[in-house]
N, C-alpha and C. Protein backbone atom coordinates (compact mmCIF):
# COMPACT_ATOMS: atom_id res chain seq x y z
N MET A 1 29.01 -77.17 -140.42
CA MET A 1 27.22 -76.68 -139.74
C MET A 1 27.47 -74.99 -139.68
N PRO A 2 26.19 -74.80 -140.30
CA PRO A 2 25.60 -73.82 -140.14
C PRO A 2 25.24 -73.31 -139.23
N ALA A 3 25.92 -71.86 -138.39
CA ALA A 3 25.22 -71.24 -136.69
C ALA A 3 23.63 -71.89 -137.02
N GLN A 4 22.62 -71.76 -138.00
CA GLN A 4 21.17 -71.80 -137.34
C GLN A 4 21.48 -73.21 -136.91
N SER A 5 21.59 -73.56 -137.60
CA SER A 5 21.44 -75.75 -137.64
C SER A 5 22.01 -76.05 -136.51
N THR A 6 23.11 -75.47 -136.14
CA THR A 6 24.42 -75.70 -134.96
C THR A 6 23.64 -75.42 -132.92
N GLN A 7 22.27 -73.93 -133.43
CA GLN A 7 21.93 -73.62 -132.44
C GLN A 7 20.69 -74.28 -132.49
N SER A 8 19.72 -75.11 -133.23
CA SER A 8 18.69 -75.70 -133.91
C SER A 8 18.98 -77.33 -133.14
N VAL A 9 19.96 -77.31 -132.67
CA VAL A 9 21.02 -79.03 -132.56
C VAL A 9 20.84 -78.88 -130.85
N LEU A 10 21.94 -77.60 -130.05
CA LEU A 10 22.13 -77.19 -129.50
C LEU A 10 21.61 -76.87 -127.65
N ARG A 11 20.25 -76.66 -128.42
CA ARG A 11 19.06 -75.23 -127.83
C ARG A 11 18.41 -76.72 -126.86
N PRO A 12 17.67 -77.31 -128.10
CA PRO A 12 17.07 -78.74 -127.71
C PRO A 12 18.14 -79.10 -126.20
N LEU A 13 18.76 -80.29 -126.51
CA LEU A 13 20.53 -80.35 -126.08
C LEU A 13 20.14 -79.57 -124.86
N LEU A 14 20.70 -78.63 -124.59
CA LEU A 14 20.83 -77.20 -123.33
C LEU A 14 19.58 -77.74 -122.50
N LEU A 15 18.44 -77.36 -123.13
CA LEU A 15 17.50 -77.80 -122.16
C LEU A 15 16.58 -79.12 -121.29
N ALA A 16 17.56 -80.08 -122.24
CA ALA A 16 17.35 -81.82 -121.60
C ALA A 16 18.43 -81.80 -120.57
N VAL A 17 19.40 -81.50 -120.94
CA VAL A 17 20.95 -81.08 -119.53
C VAL A 17 20.18 -80.34 -118.74
N ILE A 18 19.11 -79.48 -118.81
CA ILE A 18 18.47 -78.50 -117.52
C ILE A 18 16.88 -78.79 -116.33
N PHE A 19 16.38 -80.17 -117.70
CA PHE A 19 15.71 -80.79 -117.36
C PHE A 19 16.12 -82.15 -116.20
N ILE A 20 17.67 -82.93 -116.44
CA ILE A 20 18.00 -83.93 -115.70
C ILE A 20 19.01 -83.47 -114.90
N GLY A 21 19.30 -81.98 -114.91
CA GLY A 21 19.78 -81.47 -113.80
C GLY A 21 18.90 -81.12 -112.60
N LEU A 22 17.83 -80.35 -113.42
CA LEU A 22 16.24 -79.90 -112.20
C LEU A 22 15.87 -81.33 -110.99
N VAL A 23 15.43 -82.28 -112.44
CA VAL A 23 15.32 -83.28 -111.18
C VAL A 23 16.01 -84.32 -110.12
N GLY A 24 17.89 -84.31 -110.67
CA GLY A 24 18.48 -84.78 -110.49
C GLY A 24 18.55 -84.21 -108.78
N LEU A 25 18.44 -82.55 -108.48
CA LEU A 25 18.97 -82.33 -108.07
C LEU A 25 17.84 -82.35 -106.62
N GLU A 26 16.38 -82.50 -107.05
CA GLU A 26 15.65 -82.18 -106.40
C GLU A 26 15.52 -84.01 -105.35
N VAL A 27 15.80 -84.60 -107.21
CA VAL A 27 15.56 -85.97 -105.75
C VAL A 27 16.48 -86.06 -105.32
N GLU A 28 18.07 -85.61 -105.47
CA GLU A 28 19.45 -85.32 -104.34
C GLU A 28 19.17 -85.12 -102.91
N LEU A 29 18.01 -83.75 -102.81
CA LEU A 29 17.86 -83.08 -102.61
C LEU A 29 16.33 -83.41 -101.62
N ALA A 30 16.14 -84.29 -101.57
CA ALA A 30 14.67 -85.56 -101.14
C ALA A 30 15.40 -86.70 -100.54
N LEU A 31 16.17 -87.23 -100.98
CA LEU A 31 16.96 -88.74 -100.74
C LEU A 31 17.94 -88.06 -98.74
N LEU A 32 18.39 -86.87 -99.38
CA LEU A 32 19.35 -85.70 -98.50
C LEU A 32 18.89 -85.64 -96.78
N ARG A 33 17.68 -85.96 -97.40
CA ARG A 33 16.34 -85.05 -96.48
C ARG A 33 16.19 -83.30 -96.25
N HIS A 34 16.44 -82.71 -97.22
CA HIS A 34 17.26 -81.77 -97.17
C HIS A 34 15.81 -80.57 -96.49
N ALA A 35 15.16 -80.76 -95.89
CA ALA A 35 14.23 -80.01 -94.91
C ALA A 35 14.08 -79.54 -94.14
N GLU A 36 14.36 -79.21 -93.08
CA GLU A 36 14.74 -79.55 -91.47
C GLU A 36 14.45 -78.01 -91.60
N SER A 37 14.91 -77.27 -91.96
CA SER A 37 14.23 -75.06 -91.63
C SER A 37 13.99 -75.17 -93.04
N LEU A 38 13.59 -73.83 -92.96
CA LEU A 38 13.30 -72.81 -93.83
C LEU A 38 13.90 -72.45 -94.65
N GLU A 39 15.10 -72.09 -94.65
CA GLU A 39 16.83 -72.37 -96.01
C GLU A 39 16.46 -73.47 -96.14
N GLN A 40 16.36 -74.61 -95.66
CA GLN A 40 16.90 -75.66 -96.45
C GLN A 40 15.48 -75.88 -97.55
N TRP A 41 14.59 -75.05 -97.40
CA TRP A 41 12.78 -75.29 -98.24
C TRP A 41 14.01 -74.13 -99.55
N ILE A 42 14.56 -73.19 -99.21
CA ILE A 42 14.36 -73.03 -99.99
C ILE A 42 15.28 -73.02 -101.86
N PRO A 43 15.86 -74.18 -101.80
CA PRO A 43 16.60 -74.43 -103.14
C PRO A 43 15.47 -75.68 -103.42
N HIS A 44 14.47 -76.47 -103.38
CA HIS A 44 12.94 -77.11 -104.07
C HIS A 44 12.79 -76.06 -103.71
N ILE A 45 11.99 -74.47 -103.10
CA ILE A 45 10.63 -74.04 -103.93
C ILE A 45 12.11 -74.14 -105.50
N ALA A 46 13.22 -73.45 -105.39
CA ALA A 46 13.57 -72.94 -106.47
C ALA A 46 13.77 -73.44 -107.74
N LEU A 47 14.12 -75.01 -107.65
CA LEU A 47 13.63 -76.03 -109.00
C LEU A 47 12.37 -75.59 -108.64
N PHE A 48 11.71 -76.36 -108.42
CA PHE A 48 9.93 -76.95 -108.47
C PHE A 48 9.61 -75.01 -109.16
N VAL A 49 10.68 -73.94 -109.61
CA VAL A 49 9.96 -72.50 -109.76
C VAL A 49 10.41 -73.15 -110.40
N GLY A 50 11.92 -73.43 -111.34
CA GLY A 50 12.61 -73.49 -112.31
C GLY A 50 11.74 -74.49 -113.70
N PHE A 51 11.05 -75.33 -112.51
CA PHE A 51 10.62 -77.15 -113.12
C PHE A 51 9.96 -76.27 -114.48
N LEU A 52 8.83 -75.28 -113.56
CA LEU A 52 7.51 -75.46 -114.06
C LEU A 52 8.38 -73.56 -115.43
N SER A 53 9.02 -73.32 -115.54
CA SER A 53 8.95 -72.16 -115.65
C SER A 53 9.62 -72.92 -116.93
N ALA A 54 11.07 -73.87 -116.99
CA ALA A 54 10.88 -74.58 -118.47
C ALA A 54 10.82 -75.94 -118.97
N VAL A 55 9.75 -75.86 -117.99
CA VAL A 55 7.93 -76.74 -119.07
C VAL A 55 7.32 -75.64 -119.92
N ALA A 56 7.82 -74.65 -119.06
CA ALA A 56 6.47 -73.61 -119.82
C ALA A 56 7.74 -72.97 -121.58
N VAL A 57 8.14 -72.87 -121.15
CA VAL A 57 9.90 -72.79 -122.26
C VAL A 57 9.11 -74.04 -123.09
N TYR A 58 9.66 -74.54 -122.51
CA TYR A 58 9.86 -76.29 -123.33
C TYR A 58 8.37 -75.58 -124.20
N VAL A 59 7.06 -75.99 -123.85
CA VAL A 59 5.92 -75.99 -124.96
C VAL A 59 5.72 -73.91 -124.94
N ARG A 60 6.33 -73.88 -124.60
CA ARG A 60 5.35 -72.22 -125.50
C ARG A 60 6.73 -71.14 -125.30
N PRO A 61 7.45 -71.80 -126.86
CA PRO A 61 8.92 -70.70 -125.73
C PRO A 61 8.85 -69.18 -126.79
N GLY A 62 7.95 -68.57 -125.88
CA GLY A 62 7.17 -66.80 -126.59
C GLY A 62 8.91 -66.12 -125.04
N ARG A 63 8.42 -65.25 -126.03
CA ARG A 63 9.30 -63.77 -125.37
C ARG A 63 9.05 -63.69 -123.91
N ARG A 64 7.73 -63.38 -123.58
CA ARG A 64 6.87 -63.86 -121.75
C ARG A 64 7.61 -64.67 -121.24
N THR A 65 7.88 -66.17 -121.80
CA THR A 65 8.00 -67.51 -121.55
C THR A 65 10.05 -67.45 -120.44
N LEU A 66 10.63 -66.75 -121.72
CA LEU A 66 11.73 -66.75 -121.93
C LEU A 66 12.49 -65.96 -121.24
N ARG A 67 11.53 -64.32 -120.43
CA ARG A 67 11.77 -63.89 -120.31
C ARG A 67 11.77 -64.19 -118.68
N VAL A 68 11.33 -65.20 -118.76
CA VAL A 68 10.17 -66.02 -117.18
C VAL A 68 12.05 -66.50 -116.66
N PHE A 69 12.25 -67.93 -117.80
CA PHE A 69 13.38 -68.76 -116.95
C PHE A 69 14.56 -67.87 -117.05
N GLN A 70 14.08 -66.52 -117.55
CA GLN A 70 16.02 -65.67 -117.57
C GLN A 70 15.67 -65.13 -116.37
N ALA A 71 14.48 -65.55 -115.53
CA ALA A 71 15.24 -64.32 -114.36
C ALA A 71 14.80 -65.66 -113.55
N VAL A 72 14.23 -66.83 -113.34
CA VAL A 72 14.31 -67.62 -112.66
C VAL A 72 16.42 -67.86 -112.47
N MET A 73 16.41 -68.68 -113.35
CA MET A 73 18.12 -68.72 -113.76
C MET A 73 18.86 -68.08 -113.10
N VAL A 74 18.70 -66.40 -113.38
CA VAL A 74 19.14 -65.38 -112.20
C VAL A 74 19.21 -66.13 -111.13
N VAL A 75 17.94 -66.08 -110.58
CA VAL A 75 17.67 -66.90 -109.38
C VAL A 75 18.22 -67.94 -108.87
N PHE A 76 18.11 -68.43 -109.14
CA PHE A 76 19.23 -70.18 -109.42
C PHE A 76 21.03 -69.63 -109.05
N LEU A 77 21.36 -68.72 -109.57
CA LEU A 77 22.99 -68.54 -109.23
C LEU A 77 22.79 -67.73 -107.76
N ALA A 78 22.05 -66.60 -107.21
CA ALA A 78 21.48 -66.42 -105.80
C ALA A 78 21.79 -67.22 -104.73
N VAL A 79 20.56 -68.44 -105.01
CA VAL A 79 20.45 -69.13 -104.32
C VAL A 79 21.07 -70.03 -104.18
N GLY A 80 22.33 -70.66 -105.58
CA GLY A 80 23.79 -71.27 -105.41
C GLY A 80 23.94 -70.90 -103.93
N ALA A 81 24.86 -69.09 -104.51
CA ALA A 81 25.25 -68.31 -103.63
C ALA A 81 25.08 -68.49 -102.12
N LEU A 82 23.70 -68.05 -102.03
CA LEU A 82 23.48 -67.83 -100.84
C LEU A 82 23.51 -69.74 -100.55
N GLY A 83 23.04 -71.48 -101.26
CA GLY A 83 23.32 -72.16 -100.03
C GLY A 83 25.31 -72.12 -100.09
N VAL A 84 25.47 -71.91 -101.13
CA VAL A 84 27.77 -71.89 -100.04
C VAL A 84 27.20 -71.25 -98.92
N PHE A 85 26.69 -69.83 -99.17
CA PHE A 85 27.78 -69.31 -97.79
C PHE A 85 27.16 -70.46 -96.75
N TYR A 86 25.45 -70.09 -96.89
CA TYR A 86 25.13 -71.80 -95.46
C TYR A 86 25.81 -72.53 -95.64
N HIS A 87 26.26 -73.38 -96.18
CA HIS A 87 26.90 -74.89 -96.08
C HIS A 87 27.99 -73.97 -95.20
N LEU A 88 29.12 -73.17 -95.17
CA LEU A 88 30.27 -72.78 -95.15
C LEU A 88 29.99 -72.23 -93.81
N ALA A 89 28.97 -71.77 -94.13
CA ALA A 89 29.00 -71.19 -92.63
C ALA A 89 28.33 -71.72 -91.35
N GLY A 90 27.95 -72.81 -91.43
CA GLY A 90 27.35 -73.94 -90.44
C GLY A 90 28.36 -75.08 -90.75
N ASN A 91 29.49 -74.86 -90.85
CA ASN A 91 30.15 -75.63 -91.62
C ASN A 91 32.00 -74.74 -89.99
N VAL A 92 31.94 -73.95 -90.79
CA VAL A 92 32.18 -73.03 -89.57
C VAL A 92 32.31 -73.20 -87.99
N GLU A 93 30.88 -73.14 -88.03
CA GLU A 93 30.67 -73.01 -86.86
C GLU A 93 30.94 -74.48 -85.62
N PHE A 94 30.72 -75.50 -86.84
CA PHE A 94 30.81 -76.59 -86.10
C PHE A 94 31.93 -76.68 -86.07
N ALA A 95 32.79 -76.64 -87.08
CA ALA A 95 34.85 -76.78 -86.48
C ALA A 95 35.02 -76.14 -85.40
N LEU A 96 34.72 -75.04 -84.88
CA LEU A 96 34.81 -73.42 -84.34
C LEU A 96 34.14 -74.80 -82.78
N GLU A 97 33.00 -74.50 -82.91
CA GLU A 97 32.72 -75.68 -80.93
C GLU A 97 33.74 -76.52 -80.90
N ARG A 98 34.67 -77.00 -82.19
CA ARG A 98 35.11 -78.87 -81.77
C ARG A 98 36.77 -78.28 -81.96
N ASP A 99 36.26 -77.16 -82.34
CA ASP A 99 38.35 -76.98 -82.18
C ASP A 99 37.79 -74.95 -82.09
N PRO A 100 38.00 -74.41 -80.62
CA PRO A 100 37.75 -72.25 -80.71
C PRO A 100 39.06 -72.48 -81.01
N SER A 101 40.25 -73.61 -81.27
CA SER A 101 41.63 -72.12 -81.79
C SER A 101 41.94 -72.13 -83.04
N LEU A 102 40.89 -73.55 -84.02
CA LEU A 102 41.44 -73.19 -85.97
C LEU A 102 41.25 -71.42 -85.52
N SER A 103 41.04 -70.56 -86.85
CA SER A 103 41.21 -70.03 -88.01
C SER A 103 42.01 -69.55 -89.01
N GLY A 104 42.02 -68.84 -89.63
CA GLY A 104 42.71 -68.24 -91.01
C GLY A 104 42.02 -70.00 -91.92
N VAL A 105 43.77 -70.46 -93.13
CA VAL A 105 43.98 -71.82 -93.69
C VAL A 105 43.24 -72.31 -92.70
N GLY A 106 43.43 -72.95 -91.36
CA GLY A 106 42.78 -73.99 -91.03
C GLY A 106 41.52 -74.34 -90.83
N LEU A 107 40.57 -73.29 -90.84
CA LEU A 107 39.21 -72.92 -90.01
C LEU A 107 38.81 -72.99 -91.12
N LEU A 108 39.71 -72.62 -92.72
CA LEU A 108 39.19 -72.62 -93.75
C LEU A 108 38.66 -73.89 -94.14
N TRP A 109 40.06 -74.78 -94.14
CA TRP A 109 40.03 -76.40 -94.62
C TRP A 109 38.93 -77.25 -93.80
N LYS A 110 39.13 -76.97 -92.99
CA LYS A 110 37.84 -77.43 -92.59
C LYS A 110 36.40 -77.20 -92.08
N ALA A 111 36.21 -76.43 -92.90
CA ALA A 111 35.05 -76.06 -93.65
C ALA A 111 34.60 -76.55 -95.22
N LEU A 112 35.49 -76.24 -95.67
CA LEU A 112 35.56 -76.64 -97.27
C LEU A 112 35.63 -78.12 -97.33
N ARG A 113 35.87 -78.62 -96.03
CA ARG A 113 35.82 -80.82 -96.13
C ARG A 113 34.78 -80.90 -94.51
N GLY A 114 33.28 -79.81 -94.10
CA GLY A 114 32.83 -80.01 -93.02
C GLY A 114 31.62 -80.90 -94.09
N ALA A 115 30.46 -81.12 -92.96
CA ALA A 115 29.57 -82.24 -93.04
C ALA A 115 28.73 -81.78 -93.89
N SER A 116 28.54 -81.05 -94.05
CA SER A 116 27.85 -79.71 -95.59
C SER A 116 28.64 -80.31 -96.03
N PRO A 117 28.61 -80.52 -97.74
CA PRO A 117 28.63 -80.11 -98.63
C PRO A 117 28.53 -79.02 -99.25
N ALA A 118 29.90 -78.38 -99.35
CA ALA A 118 30.51 -76.98 -99.65
C ALA A 118 30.27 -76.27 -100.11
N LEU A 119 30.60 -76.82 -101.36
CA LEU A 119 29.80 -76.27 -103.01
C LEU A 119 29.32 -76.83 -103.54
N ALA A 120 28.09 -77.85 -102.87
CA ALA A 120 27.26 -78.56 -103.36
C ALA A 120 26.23 -77.42 -103.51
N PRO A 121 25.75 -76.73 -103.43
CA PRO A 121 24.58 -75.68 -103.32
C PRO A 121 25.68 -74.89 -105.00
N GLY A 122 26.20 -75.16 -105.78
CA GLY A 122 26.80 -74.82 -106.58
C GLY A 122 26.49 -74.99 -108.19
N ALA A 123 25.89 -76.54 -107.42
CA ALA A 123 25.84 -76.97 -109.11
C ALA A 123 23.75 -76.23 -109.38
N LEU A 124 23.50 -75.24 -108.24
CA LEU A 124 21.77 -74.21 -108.71
C LEU A 124 22.83 -73.64 -109.14
N ALA A 125 23.34 -72.84 -108.92
CA ALA A 125 24.21 -71.83 -109.61
C ALA A 125 24.49 -71.92 -111.38
N GLN A 126 24.90 -73.66 -111.33
CA GLN A 126 25.19 -74.39 -112.52
C GLN A 126 24.56 -74.17 -113.38
N LEU A 127 23.11 -75.44 -113.08
CA LEU A 127 22.00 -74.73 -113.74
C LEU A 127 21.37 -73.94 -113.96
N GLY A 128 21.75 -72.54 -113.54
CA GLY A 128 21.54 -70.94 -113.89
C GLY A 128 22.20 -71.03 -115.26
N LEU A 129 23.00 -70.65 -114.97
CA LEU A 129 24.19 -70.74 -116.00
C LEU A 129 24.12 -71.44 -117.53
N LEU A 130 23.53 -72.90 -117.03
CA LEU A 130 23.38 -73.15 -117.98
C LEU A 130 22.20 -72.70 -119.26
N GLY A 131 20.87 -72.19 -118.14
CA GLY A 131 19.16 -71.28 -118.58
C GLY A 131 19.71 -70.14 -119.52
N LEU A 132 20.54 -69.94 -118.87
CA LEU A 132 21.04 -68.23 -119.02
C LEU A 132 21.63 -68.59 -120.62
N LEU A 133 22.35 -69.69 -121.15
CA LEU A 133 22.49 -69.97 -122.19
C LEU A 133 22.15 -70.48 -123.15
N TYR A 134 20.93 -71.10 -122.60
CA TYR A 134 20.26 -71.84 -123.43
C TYR A 134 19.17 -70.71 -124.54
N SER A 135 19.31 -69.74 -123.69
CA SER A 135 18.11 -68.65 -124.04
C SER A 135 19.24 -67.57 -124.42
N TYR A 136 19.73 -67.26 -124.37
CA TYR A 136 20.76 -66.59 -125.48
C TYR A 136 20.89 -66.69 -126.29
N ARG A 137 20.70 -65.12 -126.76
CA ARG A 137 19.88 -65.35 -128.29
C ARG A 137 19.32 -66.01 -129.13
N HIS A 138 18.37 -66.28 -128.00
CA HIS A 138 16.95 -67.24 -128.47
C HIS A 138 16.35 -66.84 -130.22
N PRO A 139 16.01 -67.14 -130.86
CA PRO A 139 15.33 -66.52 -131.83
C PRO A 139 13.96 -66.19 -131.65
N ALA A 140 13.46 -66.24 -130.37
CA ALA A 140 12.08 -65.71 -129.79
C ALA A 140 11.97 -64.77 -129.16
N LEU A 141 13.10 -64.64 -128.97
CA LEU A 141 13.90 -63.48 -127.61
C LEU A 141 14.35 -61.78 -128.62
N ALA A 142 14.44 -62.65 -130.44
CA ALA A 142 14.74 -60.44 -131.20
C ALA A 142 13.39 -59.98 -131.63
N PRO A 143 14.29 -58.85 -131.42
CA PRO A 143 13.03 -58.20 -131.20
C PRO A 143 12.36 -58.24 -133.41
N ALA A 144 10.78 -57.71 -132.74
CA ALA A 144 10.40 -57.99 -133.79
C ALA A 144 10.24 -56.48 -134.37
N THR A 145 10.65 -57.17 -135.76
CA THR A 145 10.49 -55.98 -137.11
C THR A 145 8.91 -55.76 -137.91
N ARG A 146 8.69 -54.56 -138.17
CA ARG A 146 7.28 -54.19 -138.20
C ARG A 146 6.90 -54.64 -139.98
N SER A 147 6.89 -55.16 -140.50
CA SER A 147 6.31 -54.79 -141.85
C SER A 147 5.93 -54.08 -142.25
N GLY A 148 6.86 -54.01 -143.82
CA GLY A 148 5.84 -52.35 -144.72
C GLY A 148 6.79 -50.97 -143.93
N ALA A 149 7.43 -51.01 -142.29
CA ALA A 149 8.12 -50.13 -141.99
C ALA A 149 9.17 -49.33 -143.24
N ARG A 150 8.98 -47.93 -143.06
CA ARG A 150 10.65 -47.52 -143.25
C ARG A 150 11.30 -47.36 -142.90
N ALA A 151 12.62 -47.87 -143.83
CA ALA A 151 14.19 -47.74 -142.69
C ALA A 151 14.96 -46.69 -143.13
């Protein structure tokens, strides 16, 4: 199967997986009532903006919409990392309240297995990586060639 044909099949499938992930994560956050503080609203806002940018890319996959989409996907990476940090920090704080003698590997183990799923925000980072993969060498990002230009 030629490369162009493979890309024309895989690119829409990647975008579909991104849509499923965006909606699925938002539903999950809503079911968990993940909105008790300003920090907990960050992934909701990121997912909403991500959904809008994915719709824009689907409807009009031009250079500008793809660049915005790529920027949002980079933000997803940052928000995912920030979420892992917040979850781990909260779990560490809780573990130390229960047992102030914890430290080192024991504390890390408790934090990773704490009440807040420590690595769950990584799902947002995964969506960011999928979005960047979707836009990698996208035809709409190819340099414009001038017709009639001399070499």
